[in-house]
Amino acid sequence: MTRLAETAAAYRTEAPEPHTKLSISLPTDLVRELRAAAAESGLGVSNVVAAAVRQSIAAGDQARLDRALELDAEENAAWAADALAMTARAWADLEW
């Protein structure tokens, strides 16, 4: 099963959702792959397109979340390094 067909199969839904008709233009070779993936997955072309769009949006959301977590981790590491340095100075200044 192609990757696109596998992705589409994961989004198979039984409950009907509201739909909006959309006219788009795609490269001919991509349309051939799209139709083949739809046939392979047992879904319609619209379902395969919807699955690919959902996956693309989810990947973008995940990338933004990963970057935010990365920035947060960098900030936490910087704070911990500063706190460690301050603690070391405080211990050094203690008179026993």
C-alpha atoms as a PDB file:
ATOM      1  CA  MET A   1       0.000   0.000   0.000  1.00  0.00           C
ATOM      2  CA  THR A   2       1.394   3.393  -0.914  1.00  0.00           C
ATOM      3  CA  ARG A   3       2.095   5.956   1.789  1.00  0.00           C
ATOM      4  CA  LEU A   4      -0.717   8.201   0.574  1.00  0.00           C
ATOM      5  CA  ALA A   5      -3.181   5.301   0.602  1.00  0.00           C
ATOM      6  CA  GLU A   6      -2.070   4.372   4.135  1.00  0.00           C
ATOM      7  CA  THR A   7      -2.558   7.958   5.269  1.00  0.00           C
ATOM      8  CA  ALA A   8      -5.993   8.141   3.697  1.00  0.00           C
ATOM      9  CA  ALA A   9      -7.064   4.856   5.275  1.00  0.00           C
ATOM     10  CA  ALA A  10      -6.230   6.261   8.711  1.00  0.00           C
ATOM     11  CA  TYR A  11      -8.773   9.052   8.155  1.00  0.00           C
ATOM     12  CA  ARG A  12     -11.635   6.769   7.120  1.00  0.00           C
ATOM     13  CA  THR A  13     -14.770   8.016   8.866  1.00  0.00           C
ATOM     14  CA  GLU A  14     -18.229   6.543   9.101  1.00  0.00           C
ATOM     15  CA  ALA A  15     -19.985   9.728  10.224  1.00  0.00           C
ATOM     16  CA  PRO A  16     -20.886  12.099   7.390  1.00  0.00           C
ATOM     17  CA  GLU A  17     -19.338  15.542   7.648  1.00  0.00           C
ATOM     18  CA  PRO A  18     -20.480  18.699   5.881  1.00  0.00           C
ATOM     19  CA  HIS A  19     -18.632  19.164   2.599  1.00  0.00           C
ATOM     20  CA  THR A  20     -17.776  22.119   0.386  1.00  0.00           C
ATOM     21  CA  LYS A  21     -17.015  21.697  -3.288  1.00  0.00           C
ATOM     22  CA  LEU A  22     -13.596  23.012  -4.278  1.00  0.00           C
ATOM     23  CA  SER A  23     -12.040  23.237  -7.699  1.00  0.00           C
ATOM     24  CA  ILE A  24      -8.255  22.873  -7.833  1.00  0.00           C
ATOM     25  CA  SER A  25      -5.628  22.223 -10.486  1.00  0.00           C
ATOM     26  CA  LEU A  26      -2.918  19.650  -9.886  1.00  0.00           C
ATOM     27  CA  PRO A  27      -0.061  18.329 -12.001  1.00  0.00           C
ATOM     28  CA  THR A  28      -1.185  15.409 -14.159  1.00  0.00           C
ATOM     29  CA  ASP A  29       1.310  12.966 -12.656  1.00  0.00           C
ATOM     30  CA  LEU A  30       0.118  13.846  -9.148  1.00  0.00           C
ATOM     31  CA  VAL A  31      -3.494  13.231 -10.194  1.00  0.00           C
ATOM     32  CA  ARG A  32      -2.495   9.766 -11.448  1.00  0.00           C
ATOM     33  CA  GLU A  33      -0.845   9.012  -8.087  1.00  0.00           C
ATOM     34  CA  LEU A  34      -3.853  10.420  -6.248  1.00  0.00           C
ATOM     35  CA  ARG A  35      -6.308   8.255  -8.163  1.00  0.00           C
ATOM     36  CA  ALA A  36      -4.123   5.177  -7.661  1.00  0.00           C
ATOM     37  CA  ALA A  37      -3.879   5.853  -3.917  1.00  0.00           C
ATOM     38  CA  ALA A  38      -7.644   6.315  -3.730  1.00  0.00           C
ATOM     39  CA  ALA A  39      -8.261   3.024  -5.530  1.00  0.00           C
ATOM     40  CA  GLU A  40      -5.713   1.243  -3.337  1.00  0.00           C
ATOM     41  CA  SER A  41      -7.189   2.599  -0.107  1.00  0.00           C
ATOM     42  CA  GLY A  42     -10.792   1.987  -1.138  1.00  0.00           C
ATOM     43  CA  LEU A  43     -11.625   5.640  -0.574  1.00  0.00           C
ATOM     44  CA  GLY A  44     -12.685   8.364  -2.930  1.00  0.00           C
ATOM     45  CA  VAL A  45     -10.260  10.902  -4.347  1.00  0.00           C
ATOM     46  CA  SER A  46     -11.810  13.621  -2.152  1.00  0.00           C
ATOM     47  CA  ASN A  47     -11.177  11.516   0.951  1.00  0.00           C
ATOM     48  CA  VAL A  48      -7.544  10.989   0.007  1.00  0.00           C
ATOM     49  CA  VAL A  49      -7.063  14.720  -0.629  1.00  0.00           C
ATOM     50  CA  ALA A  50      -8.746  15.518   2.702  1.00  0.00           C
ATOM     51  CA  ALA A  51      -6.475  13.032   4.494  1.00  0.00           C
ATOM     52  CA  ALA A  52      -3.361  14.521   2.898  1.00  0.00           C
ATOM     53  CA  VAL A  53      -4.428  18.050   3.845  1.00  0.00           C
ATOM     54  CA  ARG A  54      -5.196  16.963   7.412  1.00  0.00           C
ATOM     55  CA  GLN A  55      -1.813  15.252   7.673  1.00  0.00           C
ATOM     56  CA  SER A  56      -0.030  18.317   6.312  1.00  0.00           C
ATOM     57  CA  ILE A  57      -1.788  20.609   8.790  1.00  0.00           C
ATOM     58  CA  ALA A  58      -1.051  18.216  11.663  1.00  0.00           C
ATOM     59  CA  ALA A  59       2.631  18.048  10.654  1.00  0.00           C
ATOM     60  CA  GLY A  60       2.821  21.851  10.613  1.00  0.00           C
ATOM     61  CA  ASP A  61       1.152  22.050  14.017  1.00  0.00           C
ATOM     62  CA  GLN A  62       3.554  19.426  15.393  1.00  0.00           C
ATOM     63  CA  ALA A  63       6.577  21.262  13.980  1.00  0.00           C
ATOM     64  CA  ARG A  64       5.449  24.516  15.653  1.00  0.00           C
ATOM     65  CA  LEU A  65       4.858  22.689  18.943  1.00  0.00           C
ATOM     66  CA  ASP A  66       8.255  20.970  18.731  1.00  0.00           C
ATOM     67  CA  ARG A  67       9.965  24.330  18.117  1.00  0.00           C
ATOM     68  CA  ALA A  68       8.119  25.949  21.045  1.00  0.00           C
ATOM     69  CA  LEU A  69       9.162  23.082  23.318  1.00  0.00           C
ATOM     70  CA  GLU A  70      12.729  23.368  22.053  1.00  0.00           C
ATOM     71  CA  LEU A  71      12.795  27.098  22.811  1.00  0.00           C
ATOM     72  CA  ASP A  72      11.281  26.447  26.234  1.00  0.00           C
ATOM     73  CA  ALA A  73      13.926  23.809  26.953  1.00  0.00           C
ATOM     74  CA  GLU A  74      16.690  26.225  25.896  1.00  0.00           C
ATOM     75  CA  GLU A  75      15.234  28.909  28.174  1.00  0.00           C
ATOM     76  CA  ASN A  76      14.957  26.450  31.076  1.00  0.00           C
ATOM     77  CA  ALA A  77      18.550  25.301  30.563  1.00  0.00           C
ATOM     78  CA  ALA A  78      19.767  28.913  30.564  1.00  0.00           C
ATOM     79  CA  TRP A  79      17.786  29.646  33.739  1.00  0.00           C
ATOM     80  CA  ALA A  80      19.176  26.527  35.441  1.00  0.00           C
ATOM     81  CA  ALA A  81      22.752  27.468  34.490  1.00  0.00           C
ATOM     82  CA  ASP A  82      22.243  30.986  35.920  1.00  0.00           C
ATOM     83  CA  ALA A  83      20.662  29.591  39.083  1.00  0.00           C
ATOM     84  CA  LEU A  84      23.545  27.156  39.509  1.00  0.00           C
ATOM     85  CA  ALA A  85      26.103  29.949  39.186  1.00  0.00           C
ATOM     86  CA  MET A  86      24.219  32.104  41.731  1.00  0.00           C
ATOM     87  CA  THR A  87      23.918  29.174  44.130  1.00  0.00           C
ATOM     88  CA  ALA A  88      27.632  28.433  43.817  1.00  0.00           C
ATOM     89  CA  ARG A  89      28.453  32.076  44.626  1.00  0.00           C
ATOM     90  CA  ALA A  90      26.072  32.083  47.567  1.00  0.00           C
ATOM     91  CA  TRP A  91      27.642  28.918  48.995  1.00  0.00           C
ATOM     92  CA  ALA A  92      31.122  30.344  48.465  1.00  0.00           C
ATOM     93  CA  ASP A  93      30.175  33.529  50.365  1.00  0.00           C
ATOM     94  CA  LEU A  94      28.798  31.648  53.373  1.00  0.00           C
ATOM     95  CA  GLU A  95      30.816  31.905  56.520  1.00  0.00           C
ATOM     96  CA  TRP A  96      30.835  28.702  58.466  1.00  0.00           C
END
